[in-house]
Amino acid sequence: MIKNTGGTAGAEVVQVYVNEKSPEIKRPEKELKAFAKVMLKAGEEKQIKLTLDENAFQYFSEAKNKWVMKPGRFNILVGSSSADIRLEKGVDVK
């Protein structure tokens, strides 16, 4: 849920990042996987739905020359930027 607590209309970009807890290869700390720009009137509140499919958890293996998904523990991070994370949830990918 996102809410405009200000007195004027505005916009926010909701960003979803994925972070692998124990990667086998070097990966970015936060990988942007989904985002949406939301327009809100003053005081307005909206529920935002962003979906992560299996591609959100894959990385490109140069050794195999293809996209690979390694099962494991991932963090889902939600915020207005990579420096402003407001929600975090761990998930297990099989």
PDB file of N, CA and C in Angstrom:
ATOM      1  N   MET A   1       0.841  -1.161   0.000  1.00  0.00           N
ATOM      2  CA  MET A   1       0.000   0.000   0.000  1.00  0.00           C
ATOM      3  C   MET A   1       0.893   1.233   0.000  1.00  0.00           C
ATOM      4  N   ILE A   2       0.530   2.210  -0.805  1.00  0.00           N
ATOM      5  CA  ILE A   2       1.285   3.460  -0.865  1.00  0.00           C
ATOM      6  C   ILE A   2       0.306   4.615  -0.657  1.00  0.00           C
ATOM      7  N   LYS A   3       0.745   5.620   0.089  1.00  0.00           N
ATOM      8  CA  LYS A   3      -0.141   6.740   0.416  1.00  0.00           C
ATOM      9  C   LYS A   3       0.595   8.058   0.251  1.00  0.00           C
ATOM     10  N   ASN A   4      -0.098   9.028  -0.333  1.00  0.00           N
ATOM     11  CA  ASN A   4       0.416  10.389  -0.437  1.00  0.00           C
ATOM     12  C   ASN A   4      -0.019  11.119   0.824  1.00  0.00           C
ATOM     13  N   THR A   5       0.897  11.373   1.705  1.00  0.00           N
ATOM     14  CA  THR A   5       0.582  12.043   2.971  1.00  0.00           C
ATOM     15  C   THR A   5       0.701  13.555   2.860  1.00  0.00           C
ATOM     16  N   GLY A   6       1.069  14.038   1.667  1.00  0.00           N
ATOM     17  CA  GLY A   6       1.234  15.471   1.457  1.00  0.00           C
ATOM     18  C   GLY A   6      -0.069  16.165   1.094  1.00  0.00           C
ATOM     19  N   GLY A   7       0.033  17.458   0.906  1.00  0.00           N
ATOM     20  CA  GLY A   7      -1.127  18.272   0.597  1.00  0.00           C
ATOM     21  C   GLY A   7      -1.333  18.524  -0.886  1.00  0.00           C
ATOM     22  N   THR A   8      -0.450  18.014  -1.743  1.00  0.00           N
ATOM     23  CA  THR A   8      -0.593  18.185  -3.186  1.00  0.00           C
ATOM     24  C   THR A   8      -0.421  16.844  -3.891  1.00  0.00           C
ATOM     25  N   ALA A   9      -0.913  16.791  -5.130  1.00  0.00           N
ATOM     26  CA  ALA A   9      -0.774  15.574  -5.928  1.00  0.00           C
ATOM     27  C   ALA A   9       0.696  15.330  -6.217  1.00  0.00           C
ATOM     28  N   GLY A  10       1.047  14.079  -6.400  1.00  0.00           N
ATOM     29  CA  GLY A  10       2.439  13.742  -6.672  1.00  0.00           C
ATOM     30  C   GLY A  10       2.572  12.358  -7.268  1.00  0.00           C
ATOM     31  N   ALA A  11       3.797  11.977  -7.497  1.00  0.00           N
ATOM     32  CA  ALA A  11       4.091  10.662  -8.074  1.00  0.00           C
ATOM     33  C   ALA A  11       5.190   9.990  -7.270  1.00  0.00           C
ATOM     34  N   GLU A  12       5.164   8.678  -7.282  1.00  0.00           N
ATOM     35  CA  GLU A  12       6.200   7.876  -6.627  1.00  0.00           C
ATOM     36  C   GLU A  12       6.498   6.702  -7.542  1.00  0.00           C
ATOM     37  N   VAL A  13       7.748   6.295  -7.583  1.00  0.00           N
ATOM     38  CA  VAL A  13       8.123   5.098  -8.325  1.00  0.00           C
ATOM     39  C   VAL A  13       8.393   4.005  -7.301  1.00  0.00           C
ATOM     40  N   VAL A  14       7.584   2.960  -7.339  1.00  0.00           N
ATOM     41  CA  VAL A  14       7.760   1.806  -6.456  1.00  0.00           C
ATOM     42  C   VAL A  14       8.711   0.847  -7.164  1.00  0.00           C
ATOM     43  N   GLN A  15       9.794   0.480  -6.486  1.00  0.00           N
ATOM     44  CA  GLN A  15      10.819  -0.368  -7.082  1.00  0.00           C
ATOM     45  C   GLN A  15      10.988  -1.649  -6.275  1.00  0.00           C
ATOM     46  N   VAL A  16      11.128  -2.773  -6.984  1.00  0.00           N
ATOM     47  CA  VAL A  16      11.322  -4.075  -6.341  1.00  0.00           C
ATOM     48  C   VAL A  16      12.690  -4.624  -6.763  1.00  0.00           C
ATOM     49  N   TYR A  17      13.484  -4.938  -5.752  1.00  0.00           N
ATOM     50  CA  TYR A  17      14.827  -5.483  -5.962  1.00  0.00           C
ATOM     51  C   TYR A  17      14.892  -6.899  -5.405  1.00  0.00           C
ATOM     52  N   VAL A  18      15.800  -7.698  -5.984  1.00  0.00           N
ATOM     53  CA  VAL A  18      16.058  -9.053  -5.502  1.00  0.00           C
ATOM     54  C   VAL A  18      17.521  -9.137  -5.106  1.00  0.00           C
ATOM     55  N   ASN A  19      17.778  -9.809  -3.987  1.00  0.00           N
ATOM     56  CA  ASN A  19      19.125 -10.006  -3.473  1.00  0.00           C
ATOM     57  C   ASN A  19      19.264 -11.470  -3.087  1.00  0.00           C
ATOM     58  N   GLU A  20      20.245 -12.166  -3.688  1.00  0.00           N
ATOM     59  CA  GLU A  20      20.484 -13.574  -3.334  1.00  0.00           C
ATOM     60  C   GLU A  20      21.328 -13.626  -2.061  1.00  0.00           C
ATOM     61  N   LYS A  21      20.869 -14.411  -1.081  1.00  0.00           N
ATOM     62  CA  LYS A  21      21.540 -14.473   0.225  1.00  0.00           C
ATOM     63  C   LYS A  21      22.961 -15.057   0.145  1.00  0.00           C
ATOM     64  N   SER A  22      23.130 -16.150  -0.565  1.00  0.00           N
ATOM     65  CA  SER A  22      24.447 -16.805  -0.648  1.00  0.00           C
ATOM     66  C   SER A  22      24.760 -17.141  -2.104  1.00  0.00           C
ATOM     67  N   PRO A  23      25.096 -16.135  -2.904  1.00  0.00           N
ATOM     68  CA  PRO A  23      25.331 -16.418  -4.329  1.00  0.00           C
ATOM     69  C   PRO A  23      26.617 -17.215  -4.563  1.00  0.00           C
ATOM     70  N   GLU A  24      26.590 -18.077  -5.578  1.00  0.00           N
ATOM     71  CA  GLU A  24      27.778 -18.848  -5.951  1.00  0.00           C
ATOM     72  C   GLU A  24      28.729 -17.999  -6.790  1.00  0.00           C
ATOM     73  N   ILE A  25      28.180 -16.997  -7.461  1.00  0.00           N
ATOM     74  CA  ILE A  25      28.990 -16.092  -8.271  1.00  0.00           C
ATOM     75  C   ILE A  25      28.755 -14.671  -7.762  1.00  0.00           C
ATOM     76  N   LYS A  26      29.612 -13.763  -8.164  1.00  0.00           N
ATOM     77  CA  LYS A  26      29.447 -12.366  -7.760  1.00  0.00           C
ATOM     78  C   LYS A  26      28.233 -11.774  -8.485  1.00  0.00           C
ATOM     79  N   ARG A  27      27.286 -11.268  -7.688  1.00  0.00           N
ATOM     80  CA  ARG A  27      26.073 -10.644  -8.232  1.00  0.00           C
ATOM     81  C   ARG A  27      25.904  -9.288  -7.567  1.00  0.00           C
ATOM     82  N   PRO A  28      25.177  -8.381  -8.212  1.00  0.00           N
ATOM     83  CA  PRO A  28      24.910  -7.094  -7.572  1.00  0.00           C
ATOM     84  C   PRO A  28      24.182  -7.292  -6.238  1.00  0.00           C
ATOM     85  N   GLU A  29      24.413  -6.378  -5.320  1.00  0.00           N
ATOM     86  CA  GLU A  29      23.754  -6.458  -4.016  1.00  0.00           C
ATOM     87  C   GLU A  29      22.240  -6.340  -4.158  1.00  0.00           C
ATOM     88  N   LYS A  30      21.784  -5.485  -5.059  1.00  0.00           N
ATOM     89  CA  LYS A  30      20.354  -5.292  -5.311  1.00  0.00           C
ATOM     90  C   LYS A  30      20.143  -5.259  -6.820  1.00  0.00           C
ATOM     91  N   GLU A  31      19.316  -6.180  -7.321  1.00  0.00           N
ATOM     92  CA  GLU A  31      18.998  -6.235  -8.747  1.00  0.00           C
ATOM     93  C   GLU A  31      17.559  -5.756  -8.937  1.00  0.00           C
ATOM     94  N   LEU A  32      17.374  -4.666  -9.686  1.00  0.00           N
ATOM     95  CA  LEU A  32      16.041  -4.141  -9.952  1.00  0.00           C
ATOM     96  C   LEU A  32      15.285  -5.115 -10.848  1.00  0.00           C
ATOM     97  N   LYS A  33      14.121  -5.585 -10.394  1.00  0.00           N
ATOM     98  CA  LYS A  33      13.371  -6.597 -11.141  1.00  0.00           C
ATOM     99  C   LYS A  33      11.969  -6.156 -11.539  1.00  0.00           C
ATOM    100  N   ALA A  34      11.423  -5.125 -10.886  1.00  0.00           N
ATOM    101  CA  ALA A  34      10.100  -4.623 -11.248  1.00  0.00           C
ATOM    102  C   ALA A  34       9.953  -3.208 -10.706  1.00  0.00           C
ATOM    103  N   PHE A  35       9.143  -2.408 -11.397  1.00  0.00           N
ATOM    104  CA  PHE A  35       8.867  -1.059 -10.910  1.00  0.00           C
ATOM    105  C   PHE A  35       7.580  -0.540 -11.525  1.00  0.00           C
ATOM    106  N   ALA A  36       6.997   0.455 -10.881  1.00  0.00           N
ATOM    107  CA  ALA A  36       5.781   1.098 -11.386  1.00  0.00           C
ATOM    108  C   ALA A  36       5.736   2.528 -10.878  1.00  0.00           C
ATOM    109  N   LYS A  37       5.389   3.456 -11.777  1.00  0.00           N
ATOM    110  CA  LYS A  37       5.200   4.848 -11.383  1.00  0.00           C
ATOM    111  C   LYS A  37       3.734   5.014 -11.000  1.00  0.00           C
ATOM    112  N   VAL A  38       3.513   5.588  -9.833  1.00  0.00           N
ATOM    113  CA  VAL A  38       2.163   5.720  -9.293  1.00  0.00           C
ATOM    114  C   VAL A  38       1.845   7.209  -9.102  1.00  0.00           C
ATOM    115  N   MET A  39       0.742   7.658  -9.685  1.00  0.00           N
ATOM    116  CA  MET A  39       0.266   9.026  -9.502  1.00  0.00           C
ATOM    117  C   MET A  39      -0.761   9.007  -8.366  1.00  0.00           C
ATOM    118  N   LEU A  40      -0.606   9.919  -7.404  1.00  0.00           N
ATOM    119  CA  LEU A  40      -1.504   9.965  -6.252  1.00  0.00           C
ATOM    120  C   LEU A  40      -1.970  11.397  -6.001  1.00  0.00           C
ATOM    121  N   LYS A  41      -3.264  11.540  -5.767  1.00  0.00           N
ATOM    122  CA  LYS A  41      -3.805  12.834  -5.351  1.00  0.00           C
ATOM    123  C   LYS A  41      -3.443  13.045  -3.885  1.00  0.00           C
ATOM    124  N   ALA A  42      -3.568  14.267  -3.421  1.00  0.00           N
ATOM    125  CA  ALA A  42      -3.288  14.563  -2.008  1.00  0.00           C
ATOM    126  C   ALA A  42      -4.127  13.650  -1.122  1.00  0.00           C
ATOM    127  N   GLY A  43      -3.483  12.941  -0.198  1.00  0.00           N
ATOM    128  CA  GLY A  43      -4.179  12.058   0.737  1.00  0.00           C
ATOM    129  C   GLY A  43      -4.615  10.717   0.154  1.00  0.00           C
ATOM    130  N   GLU A  44      -4.405  10.500  -1.131  1.00  0.00           N
ATOM    131  CA  GLU A  44      -4.861   9.261  -1.773  1.00  0.00           C
ATOM    132  C   GLU A  44      -3.960   8.086  -1.393  1.00  0.00           C
ATOM    133  N   GLU A  45      -4.559   6.908  -1.343  1.00  0.00           N
ATOM    134  CA  GLU A  45      -3.870   5.667  -1.007  1.00  0.00           C
ATOM    135  C   GLU A  45      -4.197   4.634  -2.079  1.00  0.00           C
ATOM    136  N   LYS A  46      -3.192   3.897  -2.533  1.00  0.00           N
ATOM    137  CA  LYS A  46      -3.402   2.867  -3.557  1.00  0.00           C
ATOM    138  C   LYS A  46      -2.622   1.609  -3.187  1.00  0.00           C
ATOM    139  N   GLN A  47      -3.195   0.492  -3.579  1.00  0.00           N
ATOM    140  CA  GLN A  47      -2.486  -0.774  -3.452  1.00  0.00           C
ATOM    141  C   GLN A  47      -1.822  -1.060  -4.794  1.00  0.00           C
ATOM    142  N   ILE A  48      -0.551  -1.402  -4.760  1.00  0.00           N
ATOM    143  CA  ILE A  48       0.237  -1.662  -5.959  1.00  0.00           C
ATOM    144  C   ILE A  48       0.563  -3.146  -6.017  1.00  0.00           C
ATOM    145  N   LYS A  49       0.409  -3.730  -7.221  1.00  0.00           N
ATOM    146  CA  LYS A  49       0.739  -5.143  -7.390  1.00  0.00           C
ATOM    147  C   LYS A  49       1.819  -5.262  -8.462  1.00  0.00           C
ATOM    148  N   LEU A  50       2.963  -5.782  -8.067  1.00  0.00           N
ATOM    149  CA  LEU A  50       4.057  -6.072  -8.985  1.00  0.00           C
ATOM    150  C   LEU A  50       4.372  -7.556  -8.857  1.00  0.00           C
ATOM    151  N   THR A  51       4.551  -8.221  -9.984  1.00  0.00           N
ATOM    152  CA  THR A  51       4.754  -9.664  -9.994  1.00  0.00           C
ATOM    153  C   THR A  51       6.193 -10.000 -10.382  1.00  0.00           C
ATOM    154  N   LEU A  52       6.785 -10.920  -9.641  1.00  0.00           N
ATOM    155  CA  LEU A  52       8.107 -11.446  -9.975  1.00  0.00           C
ATOM    156  C   LEU A  52       7.930 -12.883 -10.458  1.00  0.00           C
ATOM    157  N   ASP A  53       8.366 -13.146 -11.692  1.00  0.00           N
ATOM    158  CA  ASP A  53       8.323 -14.524 -12.180  1.00  0.00           C
ATOM    159  C   ASP A  53       9.698 -15.163 -11.985  1.00  0.00           C
ATOM    160  N   GLU A  54       9.891 -16.360 -12.513  1.00  0.00           N
ATOM    161  CA  GLU A  54      11.158 -17.071 -12.303  1.00  0.00           C
ATOM    162  C   GLU A  54      12.343 -16.309 -12.887  1.00  0.00           C
ATOM    163  N   ASN A  55      12.120 -15.499 -13.900  1.00  0.00           N
ATOM    164  CA  ASN A  55      13.218 -14.724 -14.497  1.00  0.00           C
ATOM    165  C   ASN A  55      13.850 -13.759 -13.496  1.00  0.00           C
ATOM    166  N   ALA A  56      13.095 -13.313 -12.519  1.00  0.00           N
ATOM    167  CA  ALA A  56      13.601 -12.360 -11.530  1.00  0.00           C
ATOM    168  C   ALA A  56      14.701 -12.966 -10.657  1.00  0.00           C
ATOM    169  N   PHE A  57      14.807 -14.277 -10.626  1.00  0.00           N
ATOM    170  CA  PHE A  57      15.772 -14.947  -9.753  1.00  0.00           C
ATOM    171  C   PHE A  57      16.937 -15.579 -10.536  1.00  0.00           C
ATOM    172  N   GLN A  58      16.949 -15.391 -11.832  1.00  0.00           N
ATOM    173  CA  GLN A  58      17.983 -15.987 -12.679  1.00  0.00           C
ATOM    174  C   GLN A  58      19.170 -15.043 -12.853  1.00  0.00           C
ATOM    175  N   TYR A  59      20.288 -15.625 -13.251  1.00  0.00           N
ATOM    176  CA  TYR A  59      21.463 -14.851 -13.645  1.00  0.00           C
ATOM    177  C   TYR A  59      22.020 -15.481 -14.921  1.00  0.00           C
ATOM    178  N   PHE A  60      22.778 -14.695 -15.669  1.00  0.00           N
ATOM    179  CA  PHE A  60      23.377 -15.227 -16.898  1.00  0.00           C
ATOM    180  C   PHE A  60      24.708 -15.876 -16.581  1.00  0.00           C
ATOM    181  N   SER A  61      24.826 -17.157 -16.893  1.00  0.00           N
ATOM    182  CA  SER A  61      26.068 -17.911 -16.681  1.00  0.00           C
ATOM    183  C   SER A  61      26.899 -17.839 -17.956  1.00  0.00           C
ATOM    184  N   GLU A  62      28.042 -17.183 -17.858  1.00  0.00           N
ATOM    185  CA  GLU A  62      28.939 -17.118 -19.011  1.00  0.00           C
ATOM    186  C   GLU A  62      29.514 -18.501 -19.324  1.00  0.00           C
ATOM    187  N   ALA A  63      29.742 -19.298 -18.295  1.00  0.00           N
ATOM    188  CA  ALA A  63      30.293 -20.642 -18.502  1.00  0.00           C
ATOM    189  C   ALA A  63      29.325 -21.530 -19.280  1.00  0.00           C
ATOM    190  N   LYS A  64      28.027 -21.392 -18.992  1.00  0.00           N
ATOM    191  CA  LYS A  64      27.012 -22.213 -19.661  1.00  0.00           C
ATOM    192  C   LYS A  64      26.379 -21.495 -20.848  1.00  0.00           C
ATOM    193  N   ASN A  65      26.650 -20.189 -20.977  1.00  0.00           N
ATOM    194  CA  ASN A  65      26.100 -19.355 -22.038  1.00  0.00           C
ATOM    195  C   ASN A  65      24.572 -19.387 -22.067  1.00  0.00           C
ATOM    196  N   LYS A  66      23.986 -19.315 -20.849  1.00  0.00           N
ATOM    197  CA  LYS A  66      22.529 -19.285 -20.757  1.00  0.00           C
ATOM    198  C   LYS A  66      22.117 -18.758 -19.390  1.00  0.00           C
ATOM    199  N   TRP A  67      20.826 -18.431 -19.271  1.00  0.00           N
ATOM    200  CA  TRP A  67      20.264 -17.980 -17.994  1.00  0.00           C
ATOM    201  C   TRP A  67      20.068 -19.176 -17.084  1.00  0.00           C
ATOM    202  N   VAL A  68      20.438 -19.016 -15.810  1.00  0.00           N
ATOM    203  CA  VAL A  68      20.414 -20.107 -14.835  1.00  0.00           C
ATOM    204  C   VAL A  68      19.681 -19.639 -13.586  1.00  0.00           C
ATOM    205  N   MET A  69      18.906 -20.549 -13.002  1.00  0.00           N
ATOM    206  CA  MET A  69      18.275 -20.255 -11.719  1.00  0.00           C
ATOM    207  C   MET A  69      18.788 -21.256 -10.701  1.00  0.00           C
ATOM    208  N   LYS A  70      19.438 -20.724  -9.674  1.00  0.00           N
ATOM    209  CA  LYS A  70      19.952 -21.561  -8.599  1.00  0.00           C
ATOM    210  C   LYS A  70      18.962 -21.492  -7.439  1.00  0.00           C
ATOM    211  N   PRO A  71      18.439 -22.625  -6.997  1.00  0.00           N
ATOM    212  CA  PRO A  71      17.548 -22.591  -5.830  1.00  0.00           C
ATOM    213  C   PRO A  71      18.275 -22.010  -4.623  1.00  0.00           C
ATOM    214  N   GLY A  72      17.535 -21.331  -3.785  1.00  0.00           N
ATOM    215  CA  GLY A  72      18.144 -20.772  -2.585  1.00  0.00           C
ATOM    216  C   GLY A  72      17.274 -19.718  -1.938  1.00  0.00           C
ATOM    217  N   ARG A  73      17.873 -18.998  -1.018  1.00  0.00           N
ATOM    218  CA  ARG A  73      17.183 -17.957  -0.240  1.00  0.00           C
ATOM    219  C   ARG A  73      17.448 -16.592  -0.883  1.00  0.00           C
ATOM    220  N   PHE A  74      16.382 -15.836  -1.093  1.00  0.00           N
ATOM    221  CA  PHE A  74      16.467 -14.512  -1.682  1.00  0.00           C
ATOM    222  C   PHE A  74      15.741 -13.515  -0.788  1.00  0.00           C
ATOM    223  N   ASN A  75      16.191 -12.280  -0.823  1.00  0.00           N
ATOM    224  CA  ASN A  75      15.468 -11.186  -0.181  1.00  0.00           C
ATOM    225  C   ASN A  75      14.757 -10.392  -1.261  1.00  0.00           C
ATOM    226  N   ILE A  76      13.504 -10.053  -1.006  1.00  0.00           N
ATOM    227  CA  ILE A  76      12.741  -9.155  -1.859  1.00  0.00           C
ATOM    228  C   ILE A  76      12.736  -7.810  -1.149  1.00  0.00           C
ATOM    229  N   LEU A  77      13.214  -6.779  -1.831  1.00  0.00           N
ATOM    230  CA  LEU A  77      13.348  -5.449  -1.241  1.00  0.00           C
ATOM    231  C   LEU A  77      12.458  -4.476  -2.015  1.00  0.00           C
ATOM    232  N   VAL A  78      11.661  -3.695  -1.308  1.00  0.00           N
ATOM    233  CA  VAL A  78      10.745  -2.744  -1.943  1.00  0.00           C
ATOM    234  C   VAL A  78      11.021  -1.358  -1.402  1.00  0.00           C
ATOM    235  N   GLY A  79      11.110  -0.387  -2.303  1.00  0.00           N
ATOM    236  CA  GLY A  79      11.343   0.984  -1.871  1.00  0.00           C
ATOM    237  C   GLY A  79      11.154   1.973  -3.001  1.00  0.00           C
ATOM    238  N   SER A  80      11.507   3.215  -2.731  1.00  0.00           N
ATOM    239  CA  SER A  80      11.411   4.244  -3.767  1.00  0.00           C
ATOM    240  C   SER A  80      12.731   4.389  -4.521  1.00  0.00           C
ATOM    241  N   SER A  81      13.789   3.760  -4.013  1.00  0.00           N
ATOM    242  CA  SER A  81      15.092   3.694  -4.688  1.00  0.00           C
ATOM    243  C   SER A  81      15.905   2.601  -4.005  1.00  0.00           C
ATOM    244  N   SER A  82      17.067   2.304  -4.574  1.00  0.00           N
ATOM    245  CA  SER A  82      17.913   1.278  -3.960  1.00  0.00           C
ATOM    246  C   SER A  82      18.460   1.736  -2.609  1.00  0.00           C
ATOM    247  N   ALA A  83      18.494   3.041  -2.398  1.00  0.00           N
ATOM    248  CA  ALA A  83      18.977   3.584  -1.125  1.00  0.00           C
ATOM    249  C   ALA A  83      17.864   3.823  -0.115  1.00  0.00           C
ATOM    250  N   ASP A  84      16.606   3.643  -0.537  1.00  0.00           N
ATOM    251  CA  ASP A  84      15.453   3.902   0.335  1.00  0.00           C
ATOM    252  C   ASP A  84      14.531   2.687   0.356  1.00  0.00           C
ATOM    253  N   ILE A  85      15.013   1.597   0.950  1.00  0.00           N
ATOM    254  CA  ILE A  85      14.238   0.354   1.048  1.00  0.00           C
ATOM    255  C   ILE A  85      13.307   0.450   2.250  1.00  0.00           C
ATOM    256  N   ARG A  86      12.012   0.188   2.012  1.00  0.00           N
ATOM    257  CA  ARG A  86      11.007   0.329   3.078  1.00  0.00           C
ATOM    258  C   ARG A  86      10.404  -0.999   3.522  1.00  0.00           C
ATOM    259  N   LEU A  87      10.507  -2.005   2.666  1.00  0.00           N
ATOM    260  CA  LEU A  87      10.007  -3.340   3.016  1.00  0.00           C
ATOM    261  C   LEU A  87      11.025  -4.374   2.582  1.00  0.00           C
ATOM    262  N   GLU A  88      11.154  -5.425   3.387  1.00  0.00           N
ATOM    263  CA  GLU A  88      12.059  -6.532   3.039  1.00  0.00           C
ATOM    264  C   GLU A  88      11.436  -7.838   3.485  1.00  0.00           C
ATOM    265  N   LYS A  89      11.514  -8.857   2.613  1.00  0.00           N
ATOM    266  CA  LYS A  89      10.937 -10.158   2.917  1.00  0.00           C
ATOM    267  C   LYS A  89      11.816 -11.236   2.310  1.00  0.00           C
ATOM    268  N   GLY A  90      12.140 -12.261   3.082  1.00  0.00           N
ATOM    269  CA  GLY A  90      12.907 -13.394   2.583  1.00  0.00           C
ATOM    270  C   GLY A  90      11.993 -14.432   1.956  1.00  0.00           C
ATOM    271  N   VAL A  91      12.453 -15.046   0.860  1.00  0.00           N
ATOM    272  CA  VAL A  91      11.704 -16.121   0.211  1.00  0.00           C
ATOM    273  C   VAL A  91      12.680 -17.227  -0.173  1.00  0.00           C
ATOM    274  N   ASP A  92      12.174 -18.461  -0.195  1.00  0.00           N
ATOM    275  CA  ASP A  92      12.948 -19.600  -0.663  1.00  0.00           C
ATOM    276  C   ASP A  92      12.502 -19.944  -2.063  1.00  0.00           C
ATOM    277  N   VAL A  93      13.452 -20.042  -2.994  1.00  0.00           N
ATOM    278  CA  VAL A  93      13.163 -20.386  -4.377  1.00  0.00           C
ATOM    279  C   VAL A  93      13.666 -21.804  -4.603  1.00  0.00           C
ATOM    280  N   LYS A  94      12.786 -22.641  -5.133  1.00  0.00           N
ATOM    281  CA  LYS A  94      13.127 -24.057  -5.379  1.00  0.00           C
ATOM    282  C   LYS A  94      13.256 -24.334  -6.841  1.00  0.00           C
TER     283      LYS A  94
END
